[in-house]
Amino acid sequence: FEQHKKYIIKQISYTMSSQVSVKILFFASAREAAGGITSTDIEMESDTADTSHLRGKLAKLYPKLASLVNDEENLTLALNEEYVPMGEVWKLKSGDVVALIPPISGG
């Protein structure tokens, strides 16, 4: 019984900590800070798969992007082509596409 119990606990833990894969699109200065890449796929644990944790993960993966990605006023996220309002945290699921949109300048 004890061995069976350990197996069940492992299965529950595995199910609860499944992976979420999201595609990240880099634009303008965010692309430059990420080394010129246009997109990448990011794996996250399902229990922390949200826009706030994504910002932290991107900052760790791309240190030159950190100051931009950690500042909601200077980098907007768009989840599946819908802007994430400043101060809101949205849940992510596999297959989502998140665009990193820095401020646009020009004239």
PDB file of N, CA and C in Angstrom:
ATOM      1  N   PHE A   1       0.825  -1.192   0.000  1.00  0.00           N
ATOM      2  CA  PHE A   1       0.000   0.000   0.000  1.00  0.00           C
ATOM      3  C   PHE A   1       0.871   1.258   0.000  1.00  0.00           C
ATOM      4  N   GLU A   2       1.906   1.261   0.811  1.00  0.00           N
ATOM      5  CA  GLU A   2       2.771   2.438   0.931  1.00  0.00           C
ATOM      6  C   GLU A   2       3.411   2.784  -0.415  1.00  0.00           C
ATOM      7  N   GLN A   3       3.844   1.778  -1.158  1.00  0.00           N
ATOM      8  CA  GLN A   3       4.446   1.999  -2.468  1.00  0.00           C
ATOM      9  C   GLN A   3       3.402   2.569  -3.441  1.00  0.00           C
ATOM     10  N   HIS A   4       2.192   2.056  -3.385  1.00  0.00           N
ATOM     11  CA  HIS A   4       1.107   2.531  -4.236  1.00  0.00           C
ATOM     12  C   HIS A   4       0.781   3.993  -3.915  1.00  0.00           C
ATOM     13  N   LYS A   5       0.799   4.336  -2.641  1.00  0.00           N
ATOM     14  CA  LYS A   5       0.530   5.694  -2.194  1.00  0.00           C
ATOM     15  C   LYS A   5       1.578   6.661  -2.762  1.00  0.00           C
ATOM     16  N   LYS A   6       2.862   6.277  -2.741  1.00  0.00           N
ATOM     17  CA  LYS A   6       3.929   7.116  -3.287  1.00  0.00           C
ATOM     18  C   LYS A   6       3.728   7.334  -4.782  1.00  0.00           C
ATOM     19  N   TYR A   7       3.304   6.293  -5.490  1.00  0.00           N
ATOM     20  CA  TYR A   7       3.060   6.399  -6.924  1.00  0.00           C
ATOM     21  C   TYR A   7       1.944   7.403  -7.207  1.00  0.00           C
ATOM     22  N   ILE A   8       0.875   7.344  -6.445  1.00  0.00           N
ATOM     23  CA  ILE A   8      -0.257   8.261  -6.623  1.00  0.00           C
ATOM     24  C   ILE A   8       0.185   9.699  -6.360  1.00  0.00           C
ATOM     25  N   ILE A   9       0.961   9.910  -5.322  1.00  0.00           N
ATOM     26  CA  ILE A   9       1.441  11.254  -5.004  1.00  0.00           C
ATOM     27  C   ILE A   9       2.325  11.775  -6.137  1.00  0.00           C
ATOM     28  N   LYS A  10       3.189  10.918  -6.689  1.00  0.00           N
ATOM     29  CA  LYS A  10       4.035  11.327  -7.814  1.00  0.00           C
ATOM     30  C   LYS A  10       3.182  11.724  -9.017  1.00  0.00           C
ATOM     31  N   GLN A  11       2.156  10.941  -9.300  1.00  0.00           N
ATOM     32  CA  GLN A  11       1.284  11.226 -10.441  1.00  0.00           C
ATOM     33  C   GLN A  11       0.559  12.554 -10.242  1.00  0.00           C
ATOM     34  N   ILE A  12       0.079  12.813  -9.040  1.00  0.00           N
ATOM     35  CA  ILE A  12      -0.605  14.072  -8.746  1.00  0.00           C
ATOM     36  C   ILE A  12       0.370  15.235  -8.909  1.00  0.00           C
ATOM     37  N   SER A  13       1.577  15.105  -8.395  1.00  0.00           N
ATOM     38  CA  SER A  13       2.583  16.156  -8.509  1.00  0.00           C
ATOM     39  C   SER A  13       2.908  16.421  -9.963  1.00  0.00           C
ATOM     40  N   TYR A  14       3.056  15.366 -10.759  1.00  0.00           N
ATOM     41  CA  TYR A  14       3.363  15.521 -12.173  1.00  0.00           C
ATOM     42  C   TYR A  14       2.226  16.240 -12.881  1.00  0.00           C
ATOM     43  N   THR A  15       1.006  15.865 -12.597  1.00  0.00           N
ATOM     44  CA  THR A  15      -0.157  16.481 -13.229  1.00  0.00           C
ATOM     45  C   THR A  15      -0.260  17.947 -12.851  1.00  0.00           C
ATOM     46  N   MET A  16      -0.012  18.255 -11.597  1.00  0.00           N
ATOM     47  CA  MET A  16      -0.149  19.624 -11.129  1.00  0.00           C
ATOM     48  C   MET A  16       0.965  20.527 -11.646  1.00  0.00           C
ATOM     49  N   SER A  17       2.128  19.974 -11.938  1.00  0.00           N
ATOM     50  CA  SER A  17       3.244  20.803 -12.381  1.00  0.00           C
ATOM     51  C   SER A  17       3.547  20.576 -13.859  1.00  0.00           C
ATOM     52  N   SER A  18       2.525  20.431 -14.664  1.00  0.00           N
ATOM     53  CA  SER A  18       2.749  20.220 -16.079  1.00  0.00           C
ATOM     54  C   SER A  18       3.245  21.504 -16.735  1.00  0.00           C
ATOM     55  N   GLN A  19       3.822  21.344 -17.890  1.00  0.00           N
ATOM     56  CA  GLN A  19       4.434  22.456 -18.605  1.00  0.00           C
ATOM     57  C   GLN A  19       3.451  23.156 -19.533  1.00  0.00           C
ATOM     58  N   VAL A  20       3.656  24.450 -19.665  1.00  0.00           N
ATOM     59  CA  VAL A  20       2.909  25.284 -20.597  1.00  0.00           C
ATOM     60  C   VAL A  20       3.941  25.867 -21.559  1.00  0.00           C
ATOM     61  N   SER A  21       3.665  25.778 -22.848  1.00  0.00           N
ATOM     62  CA  SER A  21       4.575  26.314 -23.855  1.00  0.00           C
ATOM     63  C   SER A  21       3.913  27.499 -24.550  1.00  0.00           C
ATOM     64  N   VAL A  22       4.592  28.655 -24.515  1.00  0.00           N
ATOM     65  CA  VAL A  22       4.064  29.851 -25.166  1.00  0.00           C
ATOM     66  C   VAL A  22       5.099  30.388 -26.147  1.00  0.00           C
ATOM     67  N   LYS A  23       4.627  30.977 -27.211  1.00  0.00           N
ATOM     68  CA  LYS A  23       5.503  31.596 -28.205  1.00  0.00           C
ATOM     69  C   LYS A  23       5.642  33.073 -27.858  1.00  0.00           C
ATOM     70  N   ILE A  24       6.879  33.553 -27.878  1.00  0.00           N
ATOM     71  CA  ILE A  24       7.173  34.947 -27.590  1.00  0.00           C
ATOM     72  C   ILE A  24       7.629  35.618 -28.877  1.00  0.00           C
ATOM     73  N   LEU A  25       7.033  36.764 -29.183  1.00  0.00           N
ATOM     74  CA  LEU A  25       7.421  37.568 -30.339  1.00  0.00           C
ATOM     75  C   LEU A  25       8.104  38.836 -29.845  1.00  0.00           C
ATOM     76  N   PHE A  26       9.268  39.141 -30.394  1.00  0.00           N
ATOM     77  CA  PHE A  26      10.053  40.303 -29.984  1.00  0.00           C
ATOM     78  C   PHE A  26       9.965  41.389 -31.055  1.00  0.00           C
ATOM     79  N   PHE A  27       9.684  42.618 -30.642  1.00  0.00           N
ATOM     80  CA  PHE A  27       9.592  43.730 -31.574  1.00  0.00           C
ATOM     81  C   PHE A  27      10.521  44.867 -31.157  1.00  0.00           C
ATOM     82  N   ALA A  28      11.032  45.605 -32.158  1.00  0.00           N
ATOM     83  CA  ALA A  28      11.818  46.832 -31.994  1.00  0.00           C
ATOM     84  C   ALA A  28      12.939  46.671 -30.963  1.00  0.00           C
ATOM     85  N   SER A  29      12.979  47.541 -29.939  1.00  0.00           N
ATOM     86  CA  SER A  29      14.078  47.510 -28.965  1.00  0.00           C
ATOM     87  C   SER A  29      14.085  46.229 -28.141  1.00  0.00           C
ATOM     88  N   ALA A  30      12.935  45.584 -27.981  1.00  0.00           N
ATOM     89  CA  ALA A  30      12.902  44.298 -27.273  1.00  0.00           C
ATOM     90  C   ALA A  30      13.662  43.244 -28.086  1.00  0.00           C
ATOM     91  N   ARG A  31      13.513  43.295 -29.399  1.00  0.00           N
ATOM     92  CA  ARG A  31      14.242  42.375 -30.278  1.00  0.00           C
ATOM     93  C   ARG A  31      15.744  42.623 -30.163  1.00  0.00           C
ATOM     94  N   GLU A  32      16.140  43.879 -30.194  1.00  0.00           N
ATOM     95  CA  GLU A  32      17.569  44.218 -30.088  1.00  0.00           C
ATOM     96  C   GLU A  32      18.138  43.730 -28.758  1.00  0.00           C
ATOM     97  N   ALA A  33      17.406  43.955 -27.656  1.00  0.00           N
ATOM     98  CA  ALA A  33      17.872  43.561 -26.323  1.00  0.00           C
ATOM     99  C   ALA A  33      17.949  42.043 -26.163  1.00  0.00           C
ATOM    100  N   ALA A  34      17.166  41.320 -26.958  1.00  0.00           N
ATOM    101  CA  ALA A  34      17.175  39.850 -26.890  1.00  0.00           C
ATOM    102  C   ALA A  34      18.163  39.250 -27.891  1.00  0.00           C
ATOM    103  N   GLY A  35      19.032  40.073 -28.429  1.00  0.00           N
ATOM    104  CA  GLY A  35      20.069  39.566 -29.321  1.00  0.00           C
ATOM    105  C   GLY A  35      19.626  39.447 -30.767  1.00  0.00           C
ATOM    106  N   GLY A  36      18.564  40.135 -31.131  1.00  0.00           N
ATOM    107  CA  GLY A  36      18.133  40.145 -32.525  1.00  0.00           C
ATOM    108  C   GLY A  36      17.160  39.044 -32.917  1.00  0.00           C
ATOM    109  N   ILE A  37      16.739  38.222 -31.961  1.00  0.00           N
ATOM    110  CA  ILE A  37      15.798  37.157 -32.326  1.00  0.00           C
ATOM    111  C   ILE A  37      14.395  37.734 -32.525  1.00  0.00           C
ATOM    112  N   THR A  38      13.636  37.108 -33.394  1.00  0.00           N
ATOM    113  CA  THR A  38      12.274  37.584 -33.648  1.00  0.00           C
ATOM    114  C   THR A  38      11.240  36.832 -32.831  1.00  0.00           C
ATOM    115  N   SER A  39      11.534  35.567 -32.496  1.00  0.00           N
ATOM    116  CA  SER A  39      10.591  34.786 -31.689  1.00  0.00           C
ATOM    117  C   SER A  39      11.305  33.618 -31.027  1.00  0.00           C
ATOM    118  N   THR A  40      10.657  33.103 -29.989  1.00  0.00           N
ATOM    119  CA  THR A  40      11.159  31.912 -29.302  1.00  0.00           C
ATOM    120  C   THR A  40       9.990  31.250 -28.591  1.00  0.00           C
ATOM    121  N   ASP A  41      10.172  30.003 -28.209  1.00  0.00           N
ATOM    122  CA  ASP A  41       9.176  29.293 -27.405  1.00  0.00           C
ATOM    123  C   ASP A  41       9.711  29.183 -25.984  1.00  0.00           C
ATOM    124  N   ILE A  42       8.852  29.450 -25.023  1.00  0.00           N
ATOM    125  CA  ILE A  42       9.221  29.417 -23.601  1.00  0.00           C
ATOM    126  C   ILE A  42       8.360  28.370 -22.903  1.00  0.00           C
ATOM    127  N   GLU A  43       9.001  27.535 -22.092  1.00  0.00           N
ATOM    128  CA  GLU A  43       8.300  26.545 -21.270  1.00  0.00           C
ATOM    129  C   GLU A  43       8.174  27.096 -19.854  1.00  0.00           C
ATOM    130  N   MET A  44       6.982  26.964 -19.294  1.00  0.00           N
ATOM    131  CA  MET A  44       6.745  27.404 -17.921  1.00  0.00           C
ATOM    132  C   MET A  44       5.949  26.340 -17.187  1.00  0.00           C
ATOM    133  N   GLU A  45       6.085  26.314 -15.872  1.00  0.00           N
ATOM    134  CA  GLU A  45       5.262  25.436 -15.058  1.00  0.00           C
ATOM    135  C   GLU A  45       3.832  25.974 -15.091  1.00  0.00           C
ATOM    136  N   SER A  46       2.851  25.095 -15.209  1.00  0.00           N
ATOM    137  CA  SER A  46       1.466  25.552 -15.341  1.00  0.00           C
ATOM    138  C   SER A  46       0.986  26.365 -14.142  1.00  0.00           C
ATOM    139  N   ASP A  47       1.492  26.058 -12.940  1.00  0.00           N
ATOM    140  CA  ASP A  47       1.025  26.792 -11.765  1.00  0.00           C
ATOM    141  C   ASP A  47       1.593  28.207 -11.681  1.00  0.00           C
ATOM    142  N   THR A  48       2.626  28.520 -12.454  1.00  0.00           N
ATOM    143  CA  THR A  48       3.171  29.883 -12.483  1.00  0.00           C
ATOM    144  C   THR A  48       3.118  30.479 -13.886  1.00  0.00           C
ATOM    145  N   ALA A  49       2.317  29.910 -14.753  1.00  0.00           N
ATOM    146  CA  ALA A  49       2.234  30.389 -16.135  1.00  0.00           C
ATOM    147  C   ALA A  49       1.277  31.577 -16.211  1.00  0.00           C
ATOM    148  N   ASP A  50       1.845  32.753 -15.988  1.00  0.00           N
ATOM    149  CA  ASP A  50       1.053  33.975 -16.116  1.00  0.00           C
ATOM    150  C   ASP A  50       1.972  35.079 -16.630  1.00  0.00           C
ATOM    151  N   THR A  51       1.394  36.223 -16.968  1.00  0.00           N
ATOM    152  CA  THR A  51       2.173  37.287 -17.582  1.00  0.00           C
ATOM    153  C   THR A  51       3.223  37.878 -16.628  1.00  0.00           C
ATOM    154  N   SER A  52       2.954  37.892 -15.344  1.00  0.00           N
ATOM    155  CA  SER A  52       3.921  38.406 -14.378  1.00  0.00           C
ATOM    156  C   SER A  52       5.157  37.503 -14.304  1.00  0.00           C
ATOM    157  N   HIS A  53       4.939  36.202 -14.153  1.00  0.00           N
ATOM    158  CA  HIS A  53       6.065  35.267 -14.100  1.00  0.00           C
ATOM    159  C   HIS A  53       6.806  35.218 -15.433  1.00  0.00           C
ATOM    160  N   LEU A  54       6.088  35.410 -16.523  1.00  0.00           N
ATOM    161  CA  LEU A  54       6.740  35.436 -17.833  1.00  0.00           C
ATOM    162  C   LEU A  54       7.727  36.595 -17.906  1.00  0.00           C
ATOM    163  N   ARG A  55       7.336  37.756 -17.419  1.00  0.00           N
ATOM    164  CA  ARG A  55       8.254  38.899 -17.414  1.00  0.00           C
ATOM    165  C   ARG A  55       9.538  38.548 -16.649  1.00  0.00           C
ATOM    166  N   GLY A  56       9.390  37.918 -15.480  1.00  0.00           N
ATOM    167  CA  GLY A  56      10.554  37.528 -14.692  1.00  0.00           C
ATOM    168  C   GLY A  56      11.425  36.514 -15.405  1.00  0.00           C
ATOM    169  N   LYS A  57      10.795  35.553 -16.043  1.00  0.00           N
ATOM    170  CA  LYS A  57      11.543  34.515 -16.756  1.00  0.00           C
ATOM    171  C   LYS A  57      12.310  35.119 -17.935  1.00  0.00           C
ATOM    172  N   LEU A  58      11.670  36.008 -18.666  1.00  0.00           N
ATOM    173  CA  LEU A  58      12.335  36.655 -19.799  1.00  0.00           C
ATOM    174  C   LEU A  58      13.511  37.504 -19.334  1.00  0.00           C
ATOM    175  N   ALA A  59      13.358  38.176 -18.195  1.00  0.00           N
ATOM    176  CA  ALA A  59      14.445  38.992 -17.644  1.00  0.00           C
ATOM    177  C   ALA A  59      15.656  38.125 -17.301  1.00  0.00           C
ATOM    178  N   LYS A  60      15.417  36.920 -16.800  1.00  0.00           N
ATOM    179  CA  LYS A  60      16.519  36.008 -16.468  1.00  0.00           C
ATOM    180  C   LYS A  60      17.162  35.430 -17.727  1.00  0.00           C
ATOM    181  N   LEU A  61      16.331  35.076 -18.706  1.00  0.00           N
ATOM    182  CA  LEU A  61      16.848  34.485 -19.941  1.00  0.00           C
ATOM    183  C   LEU A  61      17.599  35.491 -20.808  1.00  0.00           C
ATOM    184  N   TYR A  62      17.149  36.732 -20.785  1.00  0.00           N
ATOM    185  CA  TYR A  62      17.728  37.786 -21.620  1.00  0.00           C
ATOM    186  C   TYR A  62      18.069  38.989 -20.741  1.00  0.00           C
ATOM    187  N   PRO A  63      19.218  38.962 -20.064  1.00  0.00           N
ATOM    188  CA  PRO A  63      19.575  40.021 -19.106  1.00  0.00           C
ATOM    189  C   PRO A  63      19.516  41.441 -19.694  1.00  0.00           C
ATOM    190  N   LYS A  64      19.869  41.600 -20.957  1.00  0.00           N
ATOM    191  CA  LYS A  64      19.819  42.938 -21.565  1.00  0.00           C
ATOM    192  C   LYS A  64      18.376  43.421 -21.749  1.00  0.00           C
ATOM    193  N   LEU A  65      17.436  42.512 -21.686  1.00  0.00           N
ATOM    194  CA  LEU A  65      16.020  42.834 -21.825  1.00  0.00           C
ATOM    195  C   LEU A  65      15.375  43.147 -20.466  1.00  0.00           C
ATOM    196  N   ALA A  66      16.076  42.823 -19.382  1.00  0.00           N
ATOM    197  CA  ALA A  66      15.498  42.884 -18.035  1.00  0.00           C
ATOM    198  C   ALA A  66      14.890  44.242 -17.682  1.00  0.00           C
ATOM    199  N   SER A  67      15.622  45.327 -17.897  1.00  0.00           N
ATOM    200  CA  SER A  67      15.104  46.640 -17.495  1.00  0.00           C
ATOM    201  C   SER A  67      13.840  46.992 -18.281  1.00  0.00           C
ATOM    202  N   LEU A  68      13.776  46.581 -19.519  1.00  0.00           N
ATOM    203  CA  LEU A  68      12.605  46.855 -20.347  1.00  0.00           C
ATOM    204  C   LEU A  68      11.425  45.959 -19.957  1.00  0.00           C
ATOM    205  N   VAL A  69      11.668  44.665 -19.831  1.00  0.00           N
ATOM    206  CA  VAL A  69      10.581  43.708 -19.584  1.00  0.00           C
ATOM    207  C   VAL A  69       9.998  43.838 -18.173  1.00  0.00           C
ATOM    208  N   ASN A  70      10.798  44.307 -17.229  1.00  0.00           N
ATOM    209  CA  ASN A  70      10.304  44.462 -15.853  1.00  0.00           C
ATOM    210  C   ASN A  70       9.570  45.773 -15.625  1.00  0.00           C
ATOM    211  N   ASP A  71       9.532  46.636 -16.615  1.00  0.00           N
ATOM    212  CA  ASP A  71       8.882  47.936 -16.499  1.00  0.00           C
ATOM    213  C   ASP A  71       7.617  47.963 -17.350  1.00  0.00           C
ATOM    214  N   GLU A  72       6.465  47.795 -16.696  1.00  0.00           N
ATOM    215  CA  GLU A  72       5.196  47.736 -17.429  1.00  0.00           C
ATOM    216  C   GLU A  72       4.893  49.015 -18.205  1.00  0.00           C
ATOM    217  N   GLU A  73       5.445  50.128 -17.764  1.00  0.00           N
ATOM    218  CA  GLU A  73       5.202  51.386 -18.470  1.00  0.00           C
ATOM    219  C   GLU A  73       5.976  51.461 -19.776  1.00  0.00           C
ATOM    220  N   ASN A  74       7.064  50.693 -19.866  1.00  0.00           N
ATOM    221  CA  ASN A  74       7.903  50.747 -21.060  1.00  0.00           C
ATOM    222  C   ASN A  74       7.817  49.520 -21.951  1.00  0.00           C
ATOM    223  N   LEU A  75       7.069  48.521 -21.541  1.00  0.00           N
ATOM    224  CA  LEU A  75       6.907  47.337 -22.391  1.00  0.00           C
ATOM    225  C   LEU A  75       5.511  46.771 -22.179  1.00  0.00           C
ATOM    226  N   THR A  76       4.737  46.799 -23.219  1.00  0.00           N
ATOM    227  CA  THR A  76       3.383  46.255 -23.169  1.00  0.00           C
ATOM    228  C   THR A  76       3.420  44.817 -23.667  1.00  0.00           C
ATOM    229  N   LEU A  77       2.636  43.970 -23.032  1.00  0.00           N
ATOM    230  CA  LEU A  77       2.471  42.605 -23.518  1.00  0.00           C
ATOM    231  C   LEU A  77       1.148  42.513 -24.254  1.00  0.00           C
ATOM    232  N   ALA A  78       1.155  41.779 -25.343  1.00  0.00           N
ATOM    233  CA  ALA A  78      -0.090  41.466 -26.043  1.00  0.00           C
ATOM    234  C   ALA A  78      -0.219  39.949 -26.028  1.00  0.00           C
ATOM    235  N   LEU A  79      -1.298  39.460 -25.472  1.00  0.00           N
ATOM    236  CA  LEU A  79      -1.547  38.019 -25.387  1.00  0.00           C
ATOM    237  C   LEU A  79      -2.588  37.664 -26.444  1.00  0.00           C
ATOM    238  N   ASN A  80      -2.160  36.864 -27.404  1.00  0.00           N
ATOM    239  CA  ASN A  80      -3.042  36.463 -28.518  1.00  0.00           C
ATOM    240  C   ASN A  80      -3.703  37.691 -29.153  1.00  0.00           C
ATOM    241  N   GLU A  81      -2.856  38.706 -29.425  1.00  0.00           N
ATOM    242  CA  GLU A  81      -3.249  39.942 -30.111  1.00  0.00           C
ATOM    243  C   GLU A  81      -4.170  40.846 -29.296  1.00  0.00           C
ATOM    244  N   GLU A  82      -4.204  40.657 -27.984  1.00  0.00           N
ATOM    245  CA  GLU A  82      -4.991  41.531 -27.104  1.00  0.00           C
ATOM    246  C   GLU A  82      -4.052  42.104 -26.046  1.00  0.00           C
ATOM    247  N   TYR A  83      -4.023  43.444 -25.956  1.00  0.00           N
ATOM    248  CA  TYR A  83      -3.139  44.086 -24.993  1.00  0.00           C
ATOM    249  C   TYR A  83      -3.518  43.710 -23.568  1.00  0.00           C
ATOM    250  N   VAL A  84      -2.486  43.399 -22.754  1.00  0.00           N
ATOM    251  CA  VAL A  84      -2.684  43.116 -21.334  1.00  0.00           C
ATOM    252  C   VAL A  84      -2.586  44.460 -20.614  1.00  0.00           C
ATOM    253  N   PRO A  85      -3.664  44.927 -19.993  1.00  0.00           N
ATOM    254  CA  PRO A  85      -3.636  46.228 -19.310  1.00  0.00           C
ATOM    255  C   PRO A  85      -2.595  46.267 -18.187  1.00  0.00           C
ATOM    256  N   MET A  86      -1.989  47.441 -18.020  1.00  0.00           N
ATOM    257  CA  MET A  86      -0.982  47.624 -16.984  1.00  0.00           C
ATOM    258  C   MET A  86      -1.566  47.259 -15.621  1.00  0.00           C
ATOM    259  N   GLY A  87      -0.810  46.514 -14.837  1.00  0.00           N
ATOM    260  CA  GLY A  87      -1.244  46.121 -13.503  1.00  0.00           C
ATOM    261  C   GLY A  87      -2.031  44.819 -13.459  1.00  0.00           C
ATOM    262  N   GLU A  88      -2.426  44.305 -14.618  1.00  0.00           N
ATOM    263  CA  GLU A  88      -3.176  43.045 -14.650  1.00  0.00           C
ATOM    264  C   GLU A  88      -2.230  41.874 -14.912  1.00  0.00           C
ATOM    265  N   VAL A  89      -2.572  40.724 -14.355  1.00  0.00           N
ATOM    266  CA  VAL A  89      -1.814  39.492 -14.572  1.00  0.00           C
ATOM    267  C   VAL A  89      -2.759  38.491 -15.213  1.00  0.00           C
ATOM    268  N   TRP A  90      -2.398  38.030 -16.400  1.00  0.00           N
ATOM    269  CA  TRP A  90      -3.235  37.081 -17.125  1.00  0.00           C
ATOM    270  C   TRP A  90      -2.589  35.711 -17.138  1.00  0.00           C
ATOM    271  N   LYS A  91      -3.408  34.692 -16.986  1.00  0.00           N
ATOM    272  CA  LYS A  91      -2.966  33.293 -17.017  1.00  0.00           C
ATOM    273  C   LYS A  91      -2.574  32.921 -18.450  1.00  0.00           C
ATOM    274  N   LEU A  92      -1.549  32.095 -18.581  1.00  0.00           N
ATOM    275  CA  LEU A  92      -1.103  31.612 -19.885  1.00  0.00           C
ATOM    276  C   LEU A  92      -1.411  30.130 -20.030  1.00  0.00           C
ATOM    277  N   LYS A  93      -1.671  29.718 -21.262  1.00  0.00           N
ATOM    278  CA  LYS A  93      -1.884  28.298 -21.550  1.00  0.00           C
ATOM    279  C   LYS A  93      -1.067  27.924 -22.771  1.00  0.00           C
ATOM    280  N   SER A  94      -0.826  26.643 -22.951  1.00  0.00           N
ATOM    281  CA  SER A  94      -0.048  26.188 -24.098  1.00  0.00           C
ATOM    282  C   SER A  94      -0.667  26.677 -25.395  1.00  0.00           C
ATOM    283  N   GLY A  95       0.204  27.124 -26.284  1.00  0.00           N
ATOM    284  CA  GLY A  95      -0.249  27.613 -27.579  1.00  0.00           C
ATOM    285  C   GLY A  95      -0.461  29.115 -27.625  1.00  0.00           C
ATOM    286  N   ASP A  96      -0.439  29.782 -26.455  1.00  0.00           N
ATOM    287  CA  ASP A  96      -0.590  31.232 -26.447  1.00  0.00           C
ATOM    288  C   ASP A  96       0.592  31.894 -27.149  1.00  0.00           C
ATOM    289  N   VAL A  97       0.328  33.079 -27.705  1.00  0.00           N
ATOM    290  CA  VAL A  97       1.363  33.882 -28.334  1.00  0.00           C
ATOM    291  C   VAL A  97       1.409  35.220 -27.593  1.00  0.00           C
ATOM    292  N   VAL A  98       2.607  35.556 -27.094  1.00  0.00           N
ATOM    293  CA  VAL A  98       2.790  36.800 -26.355  1.00  0.00           C
ATOM    294  C   VAL A  98       3.769  37.678 -27.130  1.00  0.00           C
ATOM    295  N   ALA A  99       3.313  38.870 -27.477  1.00  0.00           N
ATOM    296  CA  ALA A  99       4.165  39.840 -28.169  1.00  0.00           C
ATOM    297  C   ALA A  99       4.696  40.840 -27.151  1.00  0.00           C
ATOM    298  N   LEU A 100       5.993  41.155 -27.254  1.00  0.00           N
ATOM    299  CA  LEU A 100       6.630  42.163 -26.417  1.00  0.00           C
ATOM    300  C   LEU A 100       6.687  43.445 -27.236  1.00  0.00           C
ATOM    301  N   ILE A 101       5.929  44.444 -26.801  1.00  0.00           N
ATOM    302  CA  ILE A 101       5.786  45.670 -27.584  1.00  0.00           C
ATOM    303  C   ILE A 101       6.333  46.858 -26.805  1.00  0.00           C
ATOM    304  N   PRO A 102       7.535  47.304 -27.166  1.00  0.00           N
ATOM    305  CA  PRO A 102       8.121  48.478 -26.506  1.00  0.00           C
ATOM    306  C   PRO A 102       7.464  49.751 -27.039  1.00  0.00           C
ATOM    307  N   PRO A 103       7.759  50.883 -26.398  1.00  0.00           N
ATOM    308  CA  PRO A 103       7.184  52.137 -26.880  1.00  0.00           C
ATOM    309  C   PRO A 103       7.627  52.395 -28.325  1.00  0.00           C
ATOM    310  N   ILE A 104       6.732  52.943 -29.089  1.00  0.00           N
ATOM    311  CA  ILE A 104       7.036  53.250 -30.477  1.00  0.00           C
ATOM    312  C   ILE A 104       7.381  54.733 -30.559  1.00  0.00           C
ATOM    313  N   SER A 105       8.508  55.023 -31.178  1.00  0.00           N
ATOM    314  CA  SER A 105       8.873  56.429 -31.362  1.00  0.00           C
ATOM    315  C   SER A 105       9.039  56.684 -32.854  1.00  0.00           C
ATOM    316  N   GLY A 106       9.020  57.897 -33.189  1.00  0.00           N
ATOM    317  CA  GLY A 106       9.190  58.241 -34.592  1.00  0.00           C
ATOM    318  C   GLY A 106       8.490  59.541 -34.890  1.00  0.00           C
ATOM    319  N   GLY A 107       8.472  59.878 -36.141  1.00  0.00           N
ATOM    320  CA  GLY A 107       7.874  61.158 -36.460  1.00  0.00           C
ATOM    321  C   GLY A 107       7.390  61.222 -37.857  1.00  0.00           C
TER     322      GLY A 107
END
